[in-house]
């Protein structure tokens, strides 16, 4: 029988990293995600699996350590929270441009600036639209429970190596700090050097006589070469949209209106849906699990049967723009959000929804 332990979402990230065969964690403490590194230090995986756990001197250092580890074909990851992620954005662009797989966890707090240590969802643009420079995308997964915090670590590595691309778990302070039962999956061994050499011929594992040396770089001074690289990335992002969109639908099949929400707000909106149904309102919930690739096709499928959609976020309305693009003006798209770390109640969301359809 699988082992279940009561733990915080942040702690689940740490346990999942150890058990999925992660080779190295390089991070820097910042509230509200510091328990990830603290748990790793407490578990001391370097004595069991050989996993490296290192506190870097800054977020800038940690993201560049990922570049080095990922270049060698290793499973490497870091974690931070909003201002820390801003410091990593140059490195994220380099990782994407060099086509390096890795995992970055952002347990989002309120902003902009130093903001607050309370939860937020204001980093959606940064995660899904770039953040760093250039035309690049990351795979972005949004957990809504401690169990998903755990499960998405292994899934993120799987997708990162499938596409040779950085992956991000975009969580929030609510999911990171709340405690739930988490089912621990079986241990996976770390990849051996022989396995890396066989399955990742691009990695810098040491030149052999039968091949040219591997060079990891995002630099291409020849314009035609650089354009080809960008087209390669575009094709990869299109493949992500074709093959790896993930979402959850709650009572959408007969719905007349649908709320779109992710992370902690999706949890709250589930209760809103139940309350609305008891009042005879046919309200459904679409929860994007991948924020990129975004479930545009599912929204497109739902729209002909709906009277309106509503994006609910802990921000001024960032995912809202992706919902509007997918709807393309065919039905009204409304918005409700709270800021400053204030998390609305299900009743407050329901009241906002009623006001939006009655205005």
Protein backbone atom coordinates (compact mmCIF):
# COMPACT_ATOMS: atom_id res chain seq x y z
CA UNK A 1 0.00 0.00 0.00
CA UNK A 2 1.33 3.44 -0.98
CA UNK A 3 2.62 5.59 1.85
CA UNK A 4 0.62 8.74 2.63
CA UNK A 5 2.06 11.58 4.68
CA UNK A 6 0.59 14.89 5.84
CA UNK A 7 2.81 17.65 4.48
CA UNK A 8 2.91 21.13 3.00
CA UNK A 9 2.86 21.62 -0.74
CA UNK A 10 6.41 22.95 -0.56
CA UNK A 11 7.55 19.87 1.34
CA UNK A 12 5.89 17.69 -1.31
CA UNK A 13 8.09 19.30 -3.97
CA UNK A 14 11.21 18.33 -2.03
CA UNK A 15 10.15 14.72 -1.41
CA UNK A 16 9.15 14.33 -5.06
CA UNK A 17 12.53 15.62 -6.23
CA UNK A 18 14.36 13.00 -4.19
CA UNK A 19 12.05 10.15 -5.20
CA UNK A 20 11.96 10.92 -8.95
CA UNK A 21 15.72 10.68 -9.38
CA UNK A 22 16.66 14.36 -9.40
CA UNK A 23 20.43 14.86 -9.63
CA UNK A 24 20.73 18.34 -8.21
CA UNK A 25 18.86 21.18 -6.53
CA UNK A 26 20.40 24.66 -6.56
CA UNK A 27 18.37 27.32 -4.79
CA UNK A 28 18.19 30.36 -2.60
CA UNK A 29 15.72 30.92 0.27
CA UNK A 30 12.76 33.27 -0.14
CA UNK A 31 9.30 33.25 1.45
CA UNK A 32 6.90 31.53 0.79
CA UNK A 33 8.91 28.64 -0.72
CA UNK A 34 11.82 28.22 1.68
CA UNK A 35 10.48 24.90 3.00
CA UNK A 36 11.56 23.26 -0.27
CA UNK A 37 15.24 23.77 0.46
CA UNK A 38 14.75 23.26 4.20
CA UNK A 39 13.12 19.86 3.62
CA UNK A 40 15.86 18.81 1.22
CA UNK A 41 18.50 19.77 3.77
CA UNK A 42 16.64 17.85 6.46
CA UNK A 43 16.29 14.73 4.29
CA UNK A 44 19.99 14.80 3.27
CA UNK A 45 19.53 12.96 -0.07
CA UNK A 46 23.27 13.22 -0.82
CA UNK A 47 23.70 10.37 1.64
CA UNK A 48 21.03 8.14 0.04
CA UNK A 49 20.55 8.86 -3.68
CA UNK A 50 23.61 11.02 -4.22
CA UNK A 51 21.49 14.06 -5.09
CA UNK A 52 23.33 17.37 -4.74
CA UNK A 53 21.57 20.05 -2.66
CA UNK A 54 23.29 23.42 -2.69
CA UNK A 55 22.35 26.89 -1.49
CA UNK A 56 23.71 29.26 -4.11
CA UNK A 57 24.88 32.79 -3.33
CA UNK A 58 21.91 34.23 -5.25
CA UNK A 59 19.08 33.35 -7.61
CA UNK A 60 21.29 34.42 -10.52
CA UNK A 61 23.89 31.87 -9.43
CA UNK A 62 21.36 29.08 -9.02
CA UNK A 63 19.85 29.45 -12.52
CA UNK A 64 23.33 29.35 -14.07
CA UNK A 65 24.12 26.22 -12.06
CA UNK A 66 21.08 24.69 -13.74
CA UNK A 67 22.57 25.60 -17.11
CA UNK A 68 25.73 23.68 -16.26
CA UNK A 69 23.96 20.64 -14.83
CA UNK A 70 21.39 20.45 -17.63
CA UNK A 71 24.19 20.68 -20.23
CA UNK A 72 25.49 17.38 -18.83
CA UNK A 73 22.08 15.71 -19.24
CA UNK A 74 21.35 15.75 -15.51
CA UNK A 75 17.94 16.24 -13.87
CA UNK A 76 18.43 19.59 -12.16
CA UNK A 77 16.00 22.03 -10.56
CA UNK A 78 15.63 25.21 -8.56
CA UNK A 79 12.82 26.98 -6.73
CA UNK A 80 12.06 30.54 -5.75
CA UNK A 81 9.27 33.07 -5.41
CA UNK A 82 8.35 36.06 -7.54
CA UNK A 83 11.22 38.58 -7.00
CA UNK A 84 13.70 35.70 -7.08
CA UNK A 85 12.29 34.47 -10.39
CA UNK A 86 12.78 37.93 -11.86
CA UNK A 87 16.50 37.56 -11.17
CA UNK A 88 16.49 34.23 -13.03
CA UNK A 89 14.84 35.49 -16.23
CA UNK A 90 18.06 36.04 -18.20
CA UNK A 91 19.13 32.49 -17.35
CA UNK A 92 15.74 31.08 -18.34
CA UNK A 93 16.09 32.67 -21.78
CA UNK A 94 19.58 31.16 -22.11
CA UNK A 95 18.26 27.72 -21.08
CA UNK A 96 15.43 27.92 -23.62
CA UNK A 97 17.75 29.16 -26.36
CA UNK A 98 20.25 26.36 -25.68
CA UNK A 99 17.38 23.82 -25.55
CA UNK A 100 18.22 22.58 -22.07
CA UNK A 101 15.75 20.60 -19.93
CA UNK A 102 15.35 21.64 -16.30
CA UNK A 103 12.70 22.39 -13.67
CA UNK A 104 12.01 25.76 -12.06
CA UNK A 105 9.43 26.08 -9.27
CA UNK A 106 7.81 29.46 -8.58
CA UNK A 107 5.66 29.67 -5.44
CA UNK A 108 4.11 33.02 -6.29
CA UNK A 109 3.64 35.86 -3.84
CA UNK A 110 2.05 39.28 -4.31
CA UNK A 111 3.77 42.00 -6.33
CA UNK A 112 4.98 44.06 -8.07
CA UNK A 113 8.31 44.90 -6.48
CA UNK A 114 8.98 43.37 -3.09
CA UNK A 115 5.21 43.24 -2.71
CA UNK A 116 4.03 40.95 0.05
CA UNK A 117 4.76 37.45 1.29
CA UNK A 118 1.05 36.67 0.92
CA UNK A 119 -0.09 34.53 -2.06
CA UNK A 120 -0.58 35.89 -5.55
CA UNK A 121 -0.91 34.88 -9.21
CA UNK A 122 0.65 37.95 -10.77
CA UNK A 123 3.54 36.06 -12.40
CA UNK A 124 1.41 34.50 -15.13
CA UNK A 125 2.77 36.83 -17.82
CA UNK A 126 6.34 36.22 -16.65
CA UNK A 127 5.90 32.44 -16.79
CA UNK A 128 3.77 32.08 -19.92
CA UNK A 129 4.79 35.00 -22.10
CA UNK A 130 8.54 34.89 -21.59
CA UNK A 131 9.86 36.99 -18.71
CA UNK A 132 13.33 36.93 -20.21
CA UNK A 133 14.30 38.22 -23.65
CA UNK A 134 13.55 36.69 -27.04
CA UNK A 135 10.85 34.46 -28.50
CA UNK A 136 10.77 31.53 -26.12
CA UNK A 137 8.27 29.52 -24.12
CA UNK A 138 8.43 27.29 -21.08
CA UNK A 139 6.17 24.37 -20.25
CA UNK A 140 4.11 25.74 -17.34
CA UNK A 141 2.17 23.47 -14.96
CA UNK A 142 -0.20 24.90 -12.33
CA UNK A 143 -0.89 22.58 -9.36
CA UNK A 144 -4.05 22.94 -7.28
CA UNK A 145 -3.17 20.59 -4.42
CA UNK A 146 -0.22 19.30 -2.42
CA UNK A 147 -0.55 15.99 -4.29
CA UNK A 148 -0.18 17.78 -7.61
CA UNK A 149 2.83 19.68 -6.27
CA UNK A 150 4.35 16.23 -5.71
CA UNK A 151 3.21 14.63 -8.98
CA UNK A 152 4.12 17.58 -11.20
CA UNK A 153 7.82 17.36 -10.32
CA UNK A 154 8.23 14.03 -12.12
CA UNK A 155 5.85 15.14 -14.89
CA UNK A 156 7.80 18.38 -15.38
CA UNK A 157 11.06 16.49 -15.80
CA UNK A 158 9.37 14.09 -18.22
CA UNK A 159 8.10 16.96 -20.38
CA UNK A 160 11.33 18.97 -20.06
CA UNK A 161 13.40 16.07 -21.42
CA UNK A 162 10.80 15.18 -24.05
CA UNK A 163 11.10 18.65 -25.56
CA UNK A 164 14.60 19.67 -24.36
CA UNK A 165 13.02 22.74 -22.80
CA UNK A 166 12.76 24.38 -19.36
CA UNK A 167 9.61 23.49 -17.43
CA UNK A 168 8.05 25.52 -14.64
CA UNK A 169 5.70 24.62 -11.81
CA UNK A 170 3.76 27.85 -11.24
CA UNK A 171 2.27 27.48 -7.79
CA UNK A 172 1.17 30.06 -5.22
CA UNK A 173 1.59 30.74 -1.53
CA UNK A 174 -1.68 29.01 -0.64
CA UNK A 175 -0.82 25.69 -2.30
CA UNK A 176 2.78 25.89 -1.11
CA UNK A 177 1.89 26.44 2.54
CA UNK A 178 -1.27 24.39 3.06
CA UNK A 179 -1.03 20.86 4.45
CA UNK A 180 -2.71 17.83 2.87
CA UNK A 181 -2.18 14.09 2.66
CA UNK A 182 0.28 13.26 -0.09
CA UNK A 183 0.75 9.80 -1.55
CA UNK A 184 4.42 9.08 -2.12
CA UNK A 185 5.25 7.34 -5.40
CA UNK A 186 7.85 4.55 -5.70
CA UNK A 187 11.49 5.64 -5.75
CA UNK A 188 13.10 6.08 -9.16
CA UNK A 189 16.88 5.67 -9.40
CA UNK A 190 18.98 8.50 -10.78
CA UNK A 191 20.11 8.00 -14.35
CA UNK A 192 23.54 6.45 -14.74
CA UNK A 193 26.16 8.14 -16.93
CA UNK A 194 25.76 5.29 -19.42
CA UNK A 195 22.00 5.93 -19.64
CA UNK A 196 22.58 9.65 -20.19
CA UNK A 197 25.15 9.04 -22.94
CA UNK A 198 22.80 6.60 -24.70
CA UNK A 199 19.58 8.63 -24.50
CA UNK A 200 20.98 12.19 -24.69
CA UNK A 201 23.55 12.35 -27.49
CA UNK A 202 23.49 16.16 -27.29
CA UNK A 203 24.77 16.29 -23.68
CA UNK A 204 28.32 17.33 -22.77
CA UNK A 205 29.39 13.96 -21.40
CA UNK A 206 32.91 14.00 -22.82
CA UNK A 207 33.95 13.70 -26.47
CA UNK A 208 34.44 10.22 -27.91
CA UNK A 209 36.34 9.37 -31.14
CA UNK A 210 33.17 8.46 -33.01
CA UNK A 211 31.49 11.89 -32.89
CA UNK A 212 32.11 15.61 -32.97
CA UNK A 213 32.28 17.49 -29.69
CA UNK A 214 28.99 18.72 -28.23
CA UNK A 215 28.74 22.47 -27.75
CA UNK A 216 25.90 23.91 -25.65
CA UNK A 217 25.18 27.53 -26.54
CA UNK A 218 22.35 29.89 -27.41
CA UNK A 219 24.66 32.12 -29.46
CA UNK A 220 24.38 32.16 -33.26
CA UNK A 221 26.13 35.10 -34.95
CA UNK A 222 25.08 33.95 -38.43
CA UNK A 223 21.60 35.41 -39.01
CA UNK A 224 20.42 32.47 -41.13
CA UNK A 225 21.56 29.97 -38.49
CA UNK A 226 19.83 31.94 -35.77
CA UNK A 227 16.60 32.14 -37.76
CA UNK A 228 16.67 28.35 -38.22
CA UNK A 229 17.08 27.94 -34.45
CA UNK A 230 14.02 30.10 -33.85
CA UNK A 231 11.98 28.09 -36.33
CA UNK A 232 13.07 24.92 -34.54
CA UNK A 233 11.80 26.38 -31.27
CA UNK A 234 8.52 27.47 -32.88
CA UNK A 235 7.94 23.92 -34.18
CA UNK A 236 8.66 22.53 -30.72
CA UNK A 237 6.16 24.88 -29.07
CA UNK A 238 3.57 23.90 -31.67
CA UNK A 239 4.16 20.23 -30.82
CA UNK A 240 3.56 21.05 -27.14
CA UNK A 241 0.22 22.61 -28.07
CA UNK A 242 -0.70 19.55 -30.14
CA UNK A 243 0.35 16.86 -27.66
CA UNK A 244 0.55 18.09 -24.07
CA UNK A 245 -2.35 20.38 -23.21
CA UNK A 246 -3.80 19.43 -19.81
CA UNK A 247 -6.94 20.71 -18.10
CA UNK A 248 -9.75 19.69 -15.77
CA UNK A 249 -13.45 20.32 -16.45
CA UNK A 250 -15.96 20.49 -13.62
CA UNK A 251 -19.65 20.34 -14.61
CA UNK A 252 -19.01 22.04 -17.96
CA UNK A 253 -21.05 19.76 -20.20
CA UNK A 254 -24.43 21.32 -19.36
CA UNK A 255 -23.08 24.68 -18.21
CA UNK A 256 -24.42 27.99 -19.49
CA UNK A 257 -21.55 29.92 -17.91
CA UNK A 258 -17.97 28.80 -17.15
CA UNK A 259 -15.39 30.13 -14.72
CA UNK A 260 -11.74 29.72 -15.76
CA UNK A 261 -9.32 29.54 -12.82
CA UNK A 262 -6.05 27.82 -11.87
CA UNK A 263 -4.11 27.00 -8.72
CA UNK A 264 -5.65 27.98 -5.40
CA UNK A 265 -8.40 29.97 -7.12
CA UNK A 266 -9.59 26.83 -8.90
CA UNK A 267 -9.97 25.16 -5.49
CA UNK A 268 -12.09 28.07 -4.25
CA UNK A 269 -14.15 28.20 -7.44
CA UNK A 270 -15.09 24.52 -7.12
CA UNK A 271 -17.08 25.51 -4.03
CA UNK A 272 -18.53 28.45 -5.95
CA UNK A 273 -19.77 26.05 -8.63
CA UNK A 274 -21.54 23.89 -6.04
CA UNK A 275 -23.20 26.93 -4.46
CA UNK A 276 -24.36 28.21 -7.85
CA UNK A 277 -25.78 24.82 -8.81
CA UNK A 278 -27.85 24.75 -5.62
CA UNK A 279 -29.37 28.06 -6.73
CA UNK A 280 -30.21 26.62 -10.14
CA UNK A 281 -27.41 28.42 -11.97
CA UNK A 282 -25.70 26.19 -14.55
CA UNK A 283 -22.13 27.20 -13.80
CA UNK A 284 -19.04 25.14 -14.68
CA UNK A 285 -15.31 25.36 -14.05
CA UNK A 286 -12.45 24.95 -16.51
CA UNK A 287 -9.11 24.55 -14.72
CA UNK A 288 -6.07 24.89 -16.97
CA UNK A 289 -3.37 22.54 -15.69
CA UNK A 290 -0.90 23.57 -18.38
CA UNK A 291 -0.87 27.36 -18.56
CA UNK A 292 1.42 26.90 -21.53
CA UNK A 293 0.33 25.17 -23.63
CA UNK A 294 -3.02 26.80 -22.82
CA UNK A 295 -6.29 24.84 -23.40
CA UNK A 296 -7.47 27.07 -26.27
CA UNK A 297 -9.13 24.23 -28.14
CA UNK A 298 -11.25 23.27 -25.12
CA UNK A 299 -12.42 26.84 -24.68
CA UNK A 300 -13.21 26.94 -28.40
CA UNK A 301 -15.25 23.75 -27.99
CA UNK A 302 -17.22 25.13 -25.05
CA UNK A 303 -17.95 28.63 -26.35
CA UNK A 304 -20.85 27.80 -28.75
CA UNK A 305 -22.84 26.40 -25.81
CA UNK A 306 -22.15 29.24 -23.34
CA UNK A 307 -23.58 32.64 -22.49
CA UNK A 308 -20.39 33.92 -20.82
CA UNK A 309 -17.02 33.04 -19.32
CA UNK A 310 -15.28 34.55 -16.33
CA UNK A 311 -11.57 34.50 -15.44
CA UNK A 312 -10.92 34.45 -11.68
CA UNK A 313 -7.37 35.21 -10.54
CA UNK A 314 -5.24 36.65 -7.75
CA UNK A 315 -4.04 39.36 -10.14
CA UNK A 316 -5.31 42.27 -12.21
CA UNK A 317 -6.23 39.86 -15.01
CA UNK A 318 -3.36 38.13 -16.81
CA UNK A 319 -4.77 34.73 -17.78
CA UNK A 320 -7.82 36.80 -18.74
CA UNK A 321 -6.05 37.81 -21.95
CA UNK A 322 -5.53 34.18 -23.03
CA UNK A 323 -9.19 33.44 -22.32
CA UNK A 324 -10.22 36.46 -24.39
CA UNK A 325 -7.97 35.40 -27.26
CA UNK A 326 -9.46 31.90 -27.25
CA UNK A 327 -13.04 33.20 -27.08
CA UNK A 328 -12.31 35.71 -29.86
CA UNK A 329 -15.24 37.99 -29.07
CA UNK A 330 -17.98 35.38 -29.49
CA UNK A 331 -19.33 35.68 -25.93
CA UNK A 332 -18.68 38.09 -23.03
CA UNK A 333 -15.53 37.36 -20.98
CA UNK A 334 -15.73 38.85 -17.49
CA UNK A 335 -13.12 39.09 -14.76
CA UNK A 336 -12.85 38.97 -10.98
CA UNK A 337 -9.62 39.25 -9.01
CA UNK A 338 -8.23 40.21 -5.63
CA UNK A 339 -4.81 41.71 -4.95
CA UNK A 340 -2.32 42.26 -2.16
CA UNK A 341 -2.48 38.68 -0.94
CA UNK A 342 -6.22 38.79 -0.22
CA UNK A 343 -7.83 35.46 -1.13
CA UNK A 344 -11.57 35.71 -1.87
CA UNK A 345 -14.20 33.35 -0.44
CA UNK A 346 -16.40 31.17 -2.66
CA UNK A 347 -19.34 33.42 -1.72
CA UNK A 348 -17.44 36.50 -2.90
CA UNK A 349 -16.66 34.87 -6.24
CA UNK A 350 -20.32 33.87 -6.67
CA UNK A 351 -21.47 37.40 -5.94
CA UNK A 352 -19.00 38.78 -8.47
CA UNK A 353 -20.22 36.27 -11.05
CA UNK A 354 -23.86 37.23 -10.51
CA UNK A 355 -22.99 40.91 -10.84
CA UNK A 356 -21.11 40.23 -14.08
CA UNK A 357 -24.06 38.56 -15.80
CA UNK A 358 -26.61 41.05 -14.51
CA UNK A 359 -24.81 44.27 -15.40
